């Protein structure tokens, strides 16, 4: 018999209880004292009472087991091999807000990645060319196909886009040794250090995003007569297709020429890439603008949420509800099975793999002012997802798992913005079929120009096995899970992104009106 057992065997019952309480307090105090101090410069929040200590210990154990450290942001410099270059990042910032990169002269990266929305979409479904020069809730124009995602933290993503078709062949977004794979015609991009840099020039080639349809009637490339209605004569005409049969590379050459015609950009690119000496005409290259835009995007890290601080030892960084929600996320609710944190997930809460989660189908009507993408299905109101890229029917309706950081500022959820609240998005995951069958566009505040499509095909194809059975949570558990995803994964620095908005850009082209950045 152990010493405590022998002693308690001779004492009255109340004395036994007293000893147990004192022992528990001793272990709790020792455990709290052993926690690492928060990083220098961070505010030290009051710790929770010892009555909550058991939850803290359990959550710490769960995070360690899941491979979550809360340190991912601090790895950026070592993985880049250098600090962020402020001059290069500022040049990228100007490009991000300059219509010079879009041949249609009316959109830029920030048009679909708005600073007031975490550099994510201000819309439920993106609006690119032909917009009303507003970035925010009142943006108008023809819809594209999907919602633009948040830019913050994308430097850590090993796969980009809703269908994970932009990938690092090494599995590491900071390792370009094997190149970065894209669909035709780019195929494998080499000569740049990160996946984010490889992707940086592609939006300029997308007709619905930045290039426009001016001249497509005479120069259709892969587009058919149904798109000729968008040939509006605005902006610079599309260059003829090259031997690939598409416009991509000729558009890139045209964008380079536009930049090289601006003396201020020759000076600025020279300061960053030519030892401070202005570049000669023609000196600005596609790789230079890729690197500059990626540097700006890499500077938009926002991965210091309450959960990160808790994992580093700041026990009071999370509310009791956030902690309970985190335990559900990593446990009973099973969220971490797809919204992964370990290994190549880089603590971004995504496995970056395609899954069929049965998000409701919504689509605009194809036509001028309504929608400029022809949707899938017999009624042209479905999105076949990853099948479009790979050509494999087994991938129909599959989309990349959404990273979950900083969704507090998102105006809509899922690839098409069909879901209008985080609560509804989480509820959908808990019972997919019930959510599909009861989907209400009005309750989800779906914009009037988006219309509900069918869902039978998704059910027939099969919902992902991880979601095929309902998960039952109590009302309190559901509230805790929502609080964790909404607030426990939110870095408030996202609210300062409007400070990145420039007063003007070197091309002299006007900025749009950014709602929410007053």
Protein backbone atom coordinates (compact mmCIF):
# COMPACT_ATOMS: atom_id res chain seq x y z
CA UNK A 1 0.00 0.00 0.00
CA UNK A 2 1.28 3.51 -0.88
CA UNK A 3 2.00 6.05 1.84
CA UNK A 4 -1.06 8.26 1.06
CA UNK A 5 -3.31 5.19 1.17
CA UNK A 6 -1.97 4.05 4.54
CA UNK A 7 -2.46 7.53 6.03
CA UNK A 8 -5.96 8.06 4.68
CA UNK A 9 -6.99 4.67 5.96
CA UNK A 10 -6.56 5.93 9.57
CA UNK A 11 -8.27 9.36 9.15
CA UNK A 12 -11.93 10.40 9.28
CA UNK A 13 -13.62 10.87 5.89
CA UNK A 14 -13.42 14.71 5.94
CA UNK A 15 -9.67 14.51 6.57
CA UNK A 16 -9.25 12.24 3.53
CA UNK A 17 -11.10 14.74 1.43
CA UNK A 18 -8.92 17.58 2.70
CA UNK A 19 -5.73 15.74 1.80
CA UNK A 20 -7.01 15.00 -1.70
CA UNK A 21 -7.88 18.68 -2.24
CA UNK A 22 -4.48 19.84 -1.03
CA UNK A 23 -2.76 17.32 -3.28
CA UNK A 24 -4.77 18.43 -6.30
CA UNK A 25 -3.96 22.06 -5.62
CA UNK A 26 -0.30 21.25 -5.31
CA UNK A 27 -0.20 19.42 -8.64
CA UNK A 28 -2.17 22.21 -10.34
CA UNK A 29 0.11 24.97 -9.07
CA UNK A 30 3.18 22.99 -10.08
CA UNK A 31 1.78 22.41 -13.56
CA UNK A 32 0.90 26.10 -14.06
CA UNK A 33 4.34 27.14 -12.86
CA UNK A 34 5.96 24.85 -15.43
CA UNK A 35 4.31 26.57 -18.41
CA UNK A 36 6.66 28.52 -20.73
CA UNK A 37 6.49 32.28 -20.61
CA UNK A 38 4.76 34.07 -23.51
CA UNK A 39 7.09 35.53 -26.17
CA UNK A 40 8.62 38.87 -25.26
CA UNK A 41 6.48 41.86 -26.07
CA UNK A 42 3.16 40.02 -25.97
CA UNK A 43 0.59 41.03 -23.34
CA UNK A 44 0.27 38.62 -20.44
CA UNK A 45 -3.41 37.95 -19.90
CA UNK A 46 -4.76 36.75 -16.55
CA UNK A 47 -4.83 32.98 -16.22
CA UNK A 48 -8.03 31.13 -15.54
CA UNK A 49 -8.82 29.86 -12.09
CA UNK A 50 -7.61 26.47 -10.96
CA UNK A 51 -11.11 25.11 -11.48
CA UNK A 52 -10.42 25.28 -15.23
CA UNK A 53 -6.99 23.73 -14.96
CA UNK A 54 -8.13 20.29 -16.02
CA UNK A 55 -9.43 21.70 -19.33
CA UNK A 56 -6.12 23.49 -19.90
CA UNK A 57 -4.10 20.36 -19.30
CA UNK A 58 -6.33 18.32 -21.58
CA UNK A 59 -6.19 20.91 -24.36
CA UNK A 60 -2.39 21.15 -24.15
CA UNK A 61 -2.21 17.36 -24.46
CA UNK A 62 -4.59 17.36 -27.43
CA UNK A 63 -2.61 20.06 -29.25
CA UNK A 64 0.67 18.23 -28.77
CA UNK A 65 -0.87 15.00 -30.00
CA UNK A 66 -2.27 16.81 -33.09
CA UNK A 67 1.10 18.40 -33.85
CA UNK A 68 0.01 21.99 -33.25
CA UNK A 69 2.66 24.33 -31.84
CA UNK A 70 1.33 27.85 -32.36
CA UNK A 71 4.75 28.73 -33.78
CA UNK A 72 4.09 28.60 -37.53
CA UNK A 73 4.37 32.34 -38.11
CA UNK A 74 7.80 32.44 -36.49
CA UNK A 75 9.10 29.96 -39.09
CA UNK A 76 8.56 32.30 -42.04
CA UNK A 77 12.02 33.83 -42.14
CA UNK A 78 13.85 30.53 -41.78
CA UNK A 79 11.78 28.94 -44.52
CA UNK A 80 12.27 31.90 -46.84
CA UNK A 81 15.94 31.91 -45.88
CA UNK A 82 15.80 35.65 -45.15
CA UNK A 83 13.62 38.34 -43.60
CA UNK A 84 10.79 39.92 -45.59
CA UNK A 85 12.25 42.59 -47.87
CA UNK A 86 10.22 45.75 -47.12
CA UNK A 87 11.09 47.45 -50.43
CA UNK A 88 10.13 44.41 -52.46
CA UNK A 89 6.94 43.98 -50.44
CA UNK A 90 6.00 47.62 -51.00
CA UNK A 91 6.53 47.26 -54.74
CA UNK A 92 4.28 44.19 -54.63
CA UNK A 93 1.70 46.17 -52.70
CA UNK A 94 1.55 48.80 -55.44
CA UNK A 95 1.17 46.11 -58.11
CA UNK A 96 -1.57 44.45 -56.06
CA UNK A 97 -3.61 47.67 -56.29
CA UNK A 98 -2.71 48.71 -59.84
CA UNK A 99 -5.08 48.12 -62.76
CA UNK A 100 -2.06 48.12 -65.07
CA UNK A 101 -1.82 44.34 -64.52
CA UNK A 102 -5.26 43.79 -66.07
CA UNK A 103 -5.75 44.41 -69.78
CA UNK A 104 -9.39 45.36 -69.19
CA UNK A 105 -8.22 48.37 -67.14
CA UNK A 106 -10.90 47.96 -64.46
CA UNK A 107 -9.70 45.37 -61.95
CA UNK A 108 -6.68 44.33 -59.95
CA UNK A 109 -5.80 41.77 -57.29
CA UNK A 110 -7.35 43.90 -54.54
CA UNK A 111 -10.66 44.02 -56.40
CA UNK A 112 -11.32 40.42 -55.40
CA UNK A 113 -9.03 40.34 -52.35
CA UNK A 114 -10.28 43.29 -50.34
CA UNK A 115 -8.28 44.65 -47.37
CA UNK A 116 -11.39 45.16 -45.24
CA UNK A 117 -12.16 41.45 -45.61
CA UNK A 118 -8.78 40.01 -44.67
CA UNK A 119 -7.66 40.45 -48.28
CA UNK A 120 -10.43 38.02 -49.16
CA UNK A 121 -13.58 38.45 -51.20
CA UNK A 122 -16.08 41.13 -50.26
CA UNK A 123 -18.60 39.11 -52.27
CA UNK A 124 -20.27 35.74 -51.89
CA UNK A 125 -19.10 34.91 -55.43
CA UNK A 126 -16.36 36.91 -57.09
CA UNK A 127 -16.97 39.81 -59.48
CA UNK A 128 -13.97 40.57 -61.69
CA UNK A 129 -13.95 42.54 -64.94
CA UNK A 130 -16.89 44.75 -65.78
CA UNK A 131 -17.34 45.79 -62.15
CA UNK A 132 -18.76 49.09 -60.90
CA UNK A 133 -15.43 50.31 -59.46
CA UNK A 134 -16.48 49.47 -55.90
CA UNK A 135 -14.75 46.95 -53.63
CA UNK A 136 -17.06 45.92 -50.83
CA UNK A 137 -20.64 44.81 -50.22
CA UNK A 138 -21.95 47.12 -52.96
CA UNK A 139 -19.65 45.79 -55.66
CA UNK A 140 -21.61 45.04 -58.83
CA UNK A 141 -21.05 43.30 -62.13
CA UNK A 142 -21.00 39.86 -63.71
CA UNK A 143 -20.17 36.97 -61.38
CA UNK A 144 -17.23 34.67 -62.04
CA UNK A 145 -17.51 31.12 -60.70
CA UNK A 146 -16.25 30.94 -57.12
CA UNK A 147 -15.46 33.01 -54.08
CA UNK A 148 -11.97 34.50 -53.74
CA UNK A 149 -10.16 33.24 -50.65
CA UNK A 150 -8.26 35.17 -47.99
CA UNK A 151 -4.68 36.03 -48.97
CA UNK A 152 -3.35 36.20 -45.40
CA UNK A 153 -1.08 33.23 -44.58
CA UNK A 154 -1.23 31.80 -48.12
CA UNK A 155 2.57 31.67 -48.20
CA UNK A 156 2.19 28.55 -46.02
CA UNK A 157 -0.28 26.80 -48.34
CA UNK A 158 1.10 23.76 -50.26
CA UNK A 159 -1.88 23.88 -52.66
CA UNK A 160 -3.76 26.93 -53.93
CA UNK A 161 -7.26 27.48 -55.34
CA UNK A 162 -10.62 25.88 -54.46
CA UNK A 163 -9.69 22.99 -56.69
CA UNK A 164 -6.11 22.33 -55.52
CA UNK A 165 -4.66 22.67 -59.00
CA UNK A 166 -1.67 24.87 -58.12
CA UNK A 167 0.68 22.71 -56.09
CA UNK A 168 4.26 22.44 -54.97
CA UNK A 169 5.65 19.20 -56.42
CA UNK A 170 7.85 18.78 -53.35
CA UNK A 171 4.85 19.18 -51.04
CA UNK A 172 6.56 22.21 -49.48
CA UNK A 173 5.44 25.65 -50.71
CA UNK A 174 8.92 27.01 -49.88
CA UNK A 175 10.76 24.36 -51.92
CA UNK A 176 10.97 25.03 -55.65
CA UNK A 177 13.51 22.31 -56.39
CA UNK A 178 10.97 20.21 -58.30
CA UNK A 179 9.00 23.17 -59.59
CA UNK A 180 5.40 24.16 -59.04
CA UNK A 181 2.66 22.47 -61.03
CA UNK A 182 -0.15 24.35 -62.75
CA UNK A 183 -2.72 23.35 -65.36
CA UNK A 184 -2.02 23.82 -69.07
CA UNK A 185 -0.44 25.91 -70.49
CA UNK A 186 1.82 26.92 -67.58
CA UNK A 187 2.40 23.28 -66.56
CA UNK A 188 5.51 23.34 -64.31
CA UNK A 189 6.86 26.73 -63.25
CA UNK A 190 10.51 26.90 -62.19
CA UNK A 191 12.95 29.65 -61.31
CA UNK A 192 10.98 31.08 -58.38
CA UNK A 193 11.39 30.09 -54.73
CA UNK A 194 7.80 29.67 -53.53
CA UNK A 195 4.44 28.45 -54.76
CA UNK A 196 3.03 31.87 -53.96
CA UNK A 197 5.56 33.50 -56.29
CA UNK A 198 4.80 31.02 -59.07
CA UNK A 199 1.10 31.88 -58.80
CA UNK A 200 1.58 35.63 -58.62
CA UNK A 201 1.31 36.36 -62.34
CA UNK A 202 -1.63 34.10 -63.17
CA UNK A 203 -4.58 36.39 -62.32
CA UNK A 204 -3.54 38.68 -65.18
CA UNK A 205 -4.21 35.85 -67.64
CA UNK A 206 -7.74 35.12 -66.43
CA UNK A 207 -10.23 36.81 -68.76
CA UNK A 208 -13.01 36.96 -66.18
CA UNK A 209 -10.71 38.29 -63.47
CA UNK A 210 -8.47 40.91 -65.06
CA UNK A 211 -7.86 40.45 -68.80
CA UNK A 212 -11.41 40.95 -70.11
CA UNK A 213 -12.94 39.90 -73.42
CA UNK A 214 -12.08 42.88 -75.63
CA UNK A 215 -11.26 41.51 -79.08
CA UNK A 216 -12.32 37.94 -78.39
CA UNK A 217 -14.73 37.90 -81.33
CA UNK A 218 -11.84 38.16 -83.77
CA UNK A 219 -9.44 36.28 -81.56
CA UNK A 220 -11.43 33.62 -79.66
CA UNK A 221 -8.77 31.10 -78.80
CA UNK A 222 -10.51 28.39 -76.73
CA UNK A 223 -13.67 30.47 -76.27
CA UNK A 224 -16.79 30.03 -78.39
CA UNK A 225 -19.46 32.33 -79.82
CA UNK A 226 -21.40 32.44 -76.56
CA UNK A 227 -18.62 34.58 -75.08
CA UNK A 228 -18.63 37.10 -77.92
CA UNK A 229 -21.37 39.04 -76.09
CA UNK A 230 -18.71 40.16 -73.59
CA UNK A 231 -16.56 41.79 -76.29
CA UNK A 232 -17.19 45.29 -74.97
CA UNK A 233 -14.28 47.21 -76.51
CA UNK A 234 -13.05 48.34 -73.09
CA UNK A 235 -9.38 48.30 -72.22
CA UNK A 236 -6.59 46.79 -74.27
CA UNK A 237 -7.56 44.14 -76.81
CA UNK A 238 -6.49 40.58 -76.15
CA UNK A 239 -3.34 39.64 -78.06
CA UNK A 240 -3.56 36.74 -80.52
CA UNK A 241 -3.13 33.28 -79.09
CA UNK A 242 0.24 31.60 -79.50
CA UNK A 243 1.11 28.03 -80.40
CA UNK A 244 -0.56 26.76 -77.23
CA UNK A 245 -3.92 27.87 -78.60
CA UNK A 246 -4.66 30.05 -75.56
CA UNK A 247 -4.03 33.66 -74.60
CA UNK A 248 -2.00 33.15 -71.41
CA UNK A 249 1.59 33.76 -72.50
CA UNK A 250 0.73 36.58 -74.94
CA UNK A 251 -1.19 38.30 -72.13
CA UNK A 252 1.85 38.01 -69.85
CA UNK A 253 4.02 39.62 -72.51
CA UNK A 254 1.47 42.42 -72.92
CA UNK A 255 1.42 43.07 -69.15
CA UNK A 256 5.23 43.21 -69.07
CA UNK A 257 5.13 45.76 -71.91
CA UNK A 258 2.60 47.88 -70.02
CA UNK A 259 4.82 47.97 -66.94
CA UNK A 260 7.96 48.69 -68.95
CA UNK A 261 6.28 51.75 -70.47
CA UNK A 262 6.02 53.43 -67.05
CA UNK A 263 9.25 55.19 -65.92
CA UNK A 264 8.25 55.09 -62.25
CA UNK A 265 8.01 51.30 -62.39
CA UNK A 266 11.39 51.06 -64.13
CA UNK A 267 12.85 53.03 -61.23
CA UNK A 268 11.07 51.01 -58.55
CA UNK A 269 11.87 47.61 -60.05
CA UNK A 270 15.47 48.74 -60.50
CA UNK A 271 15.68 49.75 -56.84
CA UNK A 272 14.61 46.26 -55.81
CA UNK A 273 16.07 44.00 -58.50
CA UNK A 274 18.93 45.96 -60.08
CA UNK A 275 21.03 47.19 -57.19
CA UNK A 276 19.23 50.51 -57.06
CA UNK A 277 19.83 51.47 -60.71
CA UNK A 278 16.75 52.11 -62.86
CA UNK A 279 16.01 49.32 -65.32
CA UNK A 280 16.21 50.03 -69.05
CA UNK A 281 13.03 49.79 -71.11
CA UNK A 282 12.09 46.15 -71.34
CA UNK A 283 13.96 45.29 -68.16
CA UNK A 284 10.90 44.38 -66.06
CA UNK A 285 10.23 40.65 -66.33
CA UNK A 286 7.42 38.35 -65.32
CA UNK A 287 9.57 36.79 -62.59
CA UNK A 288 10.24 40.20 -61.06
CA UNK A 289 6.56 40.97 -60.70
CA UNK A 290 5.90 37.45 -59.41
CA UNK A 291 8.50 37.92 -56.71
CA UNK A 292 7.27 41.37 -55.77
CA UNK A 293 3.59 40.40 -55.47
CA UNK A 294 4.50 37.27 -53.51
CA UNK A 295 6.62 39.33 -51.12
CA UNK A 296 3.67 41.55 -50.37
CA UNK A 297 1.42 38.57 -49.85
CA UNK A 298 4.00 36.88 -47.62
CA UNK A 299 4.01 40.01 -45.45
CA UNK A 300 0.29 39.43 -44.79
CA UNK A 301 0.82 36.81 -42.11
CA UNK A 302 -1.86 36.65 -39.45
CA UNK A 303 -1.32 33.44 -37.48
CA UNK A 304 -1.17 34.67 -33.90
CA UNK A 305 -4.68 33.74 -32.82
CA UNK A 306 -5.72 32.85 -29.27
CA UNK A 307 -5.07 29.16 -29.98
CA UNK A 308 -1.50 29.93 -31.08
CA UNK A 309 -0.86 31.92 -27.93
CA UNK A 310 -2.38 29.20 -25.76
CA UNK A 311 -0.16 26.58 -27.40
CA UNK A 312 2.87 28.74 -26.58
CA UNK A 313 1.88 28.79 -22.92
CA UNK A 314 -0.44 31.77 -22.56
CA UNK A 315 -3.22 29.88 -20.82
CA UNK A 316 -5.51 32.89 -20.49
CA UNK A 317 -5.42 33.72 -24.21
CA UNK A 318 -8.55 31.65 -24.84
CA UNK A 319 -11.99 31.92 -23.27
CA UNK A 320 -13.52 28.86 -21.60
CA UNK A 321 -15.87 28.49 -24.57
CA UNK A 322 -13.01 28.60 -27.07
CA UNK A 323 -11.17 25.92 -25.11
CA UNK A 324 -14.19 23.66 -24.97
CA UNK A 325 -14.74 24.26 -28.69
CA UNK A 326 -11.13 23.40 -29.44
CA UNK A 327 -11.50 20.11 -27.60
CA UNK A 328 -14.56 19.34 -29.71
CA UNK A 329 -12.74 20.37 -32.91
CA UNK A 330 -9.83 18.03 -32.19
CA UNK A 331 -12.04 15.35 -30.67
CA UNK A 332 -15.74 14.52 -30.76
CA UNK A 333 -16.64 16.72 -33.76
CA UNK A 334 -13.78 15.27 -35.83
CA UNK A 335 -13.05 18.53 -37.65
CA UNK A 336 -9.28 18.07 -37.60
CA UNK A 337 -9.57 14.98 -39.79
CA UNK A 338 -9.81 17.33 -42.80
CA UNK A 339 -8.96 20.68 -41.25
CA UNK A 340 -5.51 19.42 -40.38
CA UNK A 341 -2.69 21.20 -38.61
CA UNK A 342 0.28 18.82 -38.69
CA UNK A 343 3.02 18.32 -41.27
CA UNK A 344 2.44 19.92 -44.67
CA UNK A 345 -0.77 21.51 -43.36
CA UNK A 346 1.51 24.08 -41.71
CA UNK A 347 -1.03 24.70 -38.92
CA UNK A 348 -3.43 26.22 -41.46
CA UNK A 349 -6.39 23.96 -40.56
CA UNK A 350 -6.62 22.23 -43.93
CA UNK A 351 -5.27 19.03 -45.43
CA UNK A 352 -5.29 20.91 -48.77
CA UNK A 353 -6.89 17.88 -50.40
CA UNK A 354 -10.16 17.60 -52.34
CA UNK A 355 -13.29 16.33 -50.58
CA UNK A 356 -16.94 16.10 -51.53
CA UNK A 357 -18.69 17.88 -48.67
CA UNK A 358 -21.96 18.60 -50.47
CA UNK A 359 -22.02 22.37 -50.35
CA UNK A 360 -25.24 23.74 -51.90
CA UNK A 361 -24.99 24.57 -55.59
CA UNK A 362 -25.64 28.19 -56.58
CA UNK A 363 -24.97 29.95 -59.87
CA UNK A 364 -25.74 33.16 -61.77
CA UNK A 365 -27.42 33.31 -65.15
CA UNK A 366 -24.85 33.35 -67.94
CA UNK A 367 -24.90 36.67 -69.75
CA UNK A 368 -23.76 40.28 -69.81
CA UNK A 369 -23.97 41.83 -66.35
CA UNK A 370 -24.95 38.57 -64.62
CA UNK A 371 -22.32 35.87 -65.11
CA UNK A 372 -19.38 35.35 -67.46
CA UNK A 373 -18.62 31.68 -66.72
CA UNK A 374 -20.59 28.79 -68.19
CA UNK A 375 -21.42 26.49 -65.29
CA UNK A 376 -21.60 22.70 -65.47
CA UNK A 377 -24.58 20.37 -65.70
CA UNK A 378 -27.57 20.18 -68.06
CA UNK A 379 -29.05 23.39 -66.63
CA UNK A 380 -25.65 25.13 -66.33
CA UNK A 381 -26.17 25.63 -62.61
CA UNK A 382 -23.65 23.21 -61.13
CA UNK A 383 -19.92 23.34 -60.39
CA UNK A 384 -18.15 20.03 -61.01
CA UNK A 385 -15.14 21.16 -59.00
CA UNK A 386 -11.86 19.29 -59.33
CA UNK A 387 -13.19 17.25 -62.26
CA UNK A 388 -12.85 20.39 -64.39
CA UNK A 389 -9.08 20.38 -63.87
CA UNK A 390 -8.33 16.67 -63.86
CA UNK A 391 -11.02 15.35 -66.22
CA UNK A 392 -11.81 12.55 -63.79
CA UNK A 393 -15.54 12.07 -63.02
CA UNK A 394 -14.56 10.53 -59.67
CA UNK A 395 -13.50 14.05 -58.61
CA UNK A 396 -16.84 15.66 -59.45
CA UNK A 397 -18.11 18.10 -56.81
CA UNK A 398 -14.81 17.91 -54.90
CA UNK A 399 -13.13 21.03 -53.56
CA UNK A 400 -10.09 21.70 -51.43
CA UNK A 401 -10.62 21.73 -47.69
CA UNK A 402 -10.96 25.38 -46.68
CA UNK A 403 -8.30 26.74 -44.29
CA UNK A 404 -10.05 28.13 -41.24
CA UNK A 405 -7.92 30.97 -39.95
CA UNK A 406 -9.50 34.44 -39.79
CA UNK A 407 -12.90 33.46 -41.18
CA UNK A 408 -14.48 35.95 -38.81
CA UNK A 409 -14.25 38.59 -41.57
CA UNK A 410 -15.56 36.37 -44.39
CA UNK A 411 -18.96 37.40 -45.84
CA UNK A 412 -19.76 33.89 -47.08
CA UNK A 413 -18.64 30.30 -46.85
CA UNK A 414 -17.82 27.35 -49.10
CA UNK A 415 -16.45 27.67 -52.62
CA UNK A 416 -19.45 29.61 -53.92
CA UNK A 417 -20.58 31.59 -50.90
CA UNK A 418 -23.85 29.64 -50.73
CA UNK A 419 -23.71 29.57 -46.93
CA UNK A 420 -24.21 32.90 -45.23
CA UNK A 421 -22.91 32.34 -41.71
CA UNK A 422 -20.24 30.40 -39.89
CA UNK A 423 -22.96 28.78 -37.77
CA UNK A 424 -24.67 27.43 -40.89
CA UNK A 425 -21.36 26.27 -42.36
CA UNK A 426 -20.52 24.26 -39.24
CA UNK A 427 -24.05 22.90 -39.00
CA UNK A 428 -23.76 21.68 -42.60
CA UNK A 429 -20.68 19.64 -41.74
CA UNK A 430 -22.48 18.04 -38.81
CA UNK A 431 -25.35 16.74 -40.97
CA UNK A 432 -24.68 17.22 -44.68
CA UNK A 433 -27.77 15.60 -46.16
CA UNK A 434 -30.16 17.35 -43.81
CA UNK A 435 -28.45 20.66 -44.55
CA UNK A 436 -28.72 20.13 -48.31
CA UNK A 437 -32.37 19.16 -48.21
CA UNK A 438 -33.32 22.10 -46.00
CA UNK A 439 -31.10 24.73 -47.64
CA UNK A 440 -32.85 28.10 -47.68
CA UNK A 441 -31.36 30.85 -49.88
CA UNK A 442 -33.28 33.51 -47.97
CA UNK A 443 -32.08 32.34 -44.57
CA UNK A 444 -28.55 32.37 -45.95
CA UNK A 445 -28.99 35.89 -47.38
CA UNK A 446 -28.02 34.65 -50.84
CA UNK A 447 -27.73 37.56 -53.29
CA UNK A 448 -30.72 37.77 -55.63
CA UNK A 449 -28.60 37.20 -58.74
CA UNK A 450 -27.48 33.77 -57.52
CA UNK A 451 -29.88 30.88 -57.92
CA UNK A 452 -30.01 27.51 -56.24
CA UNK A 453 -28.97 24.46 -58.24
CA UNK A 454 -29.64 20.72 -57.79
CA UNK A 455 -28.02 18.53 -55.14
CA UNK A 456 -29.07 15.01 -56.11
CA UNK A 457 -25.88 14.48 -58.13
CA UNK A 458 -23.72 15.16 -55.08
CA UNK A 459 -25.63 12.68 -52.96
CA UNK A 460 -25.44 10.06 -55.71
CA UNK A 461 -21.69 10.62 -56.09
CA UNK A 462 -21.32 10.10 -52.36
CA UNK A 463 -20.55 12.51 -49.56
CA UNK A 464 -17.08 12.09 -48.09
CA UNK A 465 -17.11 9.15 -45.64
CA UNK A 466 -15.89 11.45 -42.88
CA UNK A 467 -19.14 13.40 -43.19
CA UNK A 468 -21.56 10.69 -44.29
CA UNK A 469 -22.96 10.17 -40.80
CA UNK A 470 -24.41 13.00 -38.70
CA UNK A 471 -22.47 14.23 -35.69
CA UNK A 472 -24.69 15.14 -32.74
CA UNK A 473 -23.71 18.03 -30.51
CA UNK A 474 -25.62 19.65 -27.69
CA UNK A 475 -26.62 23.29 -28.13
CA UNK A 476 -23.81 24.36 -25.80
CA UNK A 477 -21.26 22.23 -27.63
CA UNK A 478 -22.33 23.76 -30.93
CA UNK A 479 -21.96 27.29 -29.53
CA UNK A 480 -18.51 26.42 -28.19
CA UNK A 481 -17.38 24.99 -31.52
CA UNK A 482 -18.55 28.11 -33.35
CA UNK A 483 -16.79 30.35 -30.85
CA UNK A 484 -13.55 28.45 -31.30
CA UNK A 485 -13.55 28.61 -35.10
CA UNK A 486 -14.75 32.24 -35.22
CA UNK A 487 -12.68 33.76 -32.41
CA UNK A 488 -10.13 31.18 -31.30
CA UNK A 489 -8.56 31.14 -34.79
CA UNK A 490 -8.79 34.88 -35.43
CA UNK A 491 -5.77 37.16 -35.45
CA UNK A 492 -6.99 40.75 -34.86
CA UNK A 493 -4.18 42.17 -37.00
CA UNK A 494 -6.44 41.31 -39.93
CA UNK A 495 -8.52 44.32 -38.91
CA UNK A 496 -5.55 46.57 -39.69
CA UNK A 497 -5.20 45.50 -43.32
CA UNK A 498 -6.85 48.67 -44.60
CA UNK A 499 -3.59 50.37 -43.63
CA UNK A 500 -2.00 48.67 -46.65
CA UNK A 501 -4.17 50.64 -49.08
CA UNK A 502 -1.92 53.02 -51.11
CA UNK A 503 -2.84 56.62 -51.84
CA UNK A 504 -1.93 56.17 -55.52
CA UNK A 505 -0.10 53.79 -57.85
CA UNK A 506 2.74 54.38 -60.35
CA UNK A 507 0.56 53.86 -63.42
CA UNK A 508 -1.59 56.80 -62.38
CA UNK A 509 -4.70 54.69 -62.88
CA UNK A 510 -7.40 55.46 -60.29
CA UNK A 511 -8.06 53.28 -57.27
CA UNK A 512 -11.50 51.86 -56.74
CA UNK A 513 -13.67 52.81 -53.78
CA UNK A 514 -12.86 50.48 -50.88
CA UNK A 515 -15.83 50.10 -48.59
CA UNK A 516 -14.92 49.44 -44.98
CA UNK A 517 -11.59 51.29 -45.30
CA UNK A 518 -12.88 54.73 -44.38
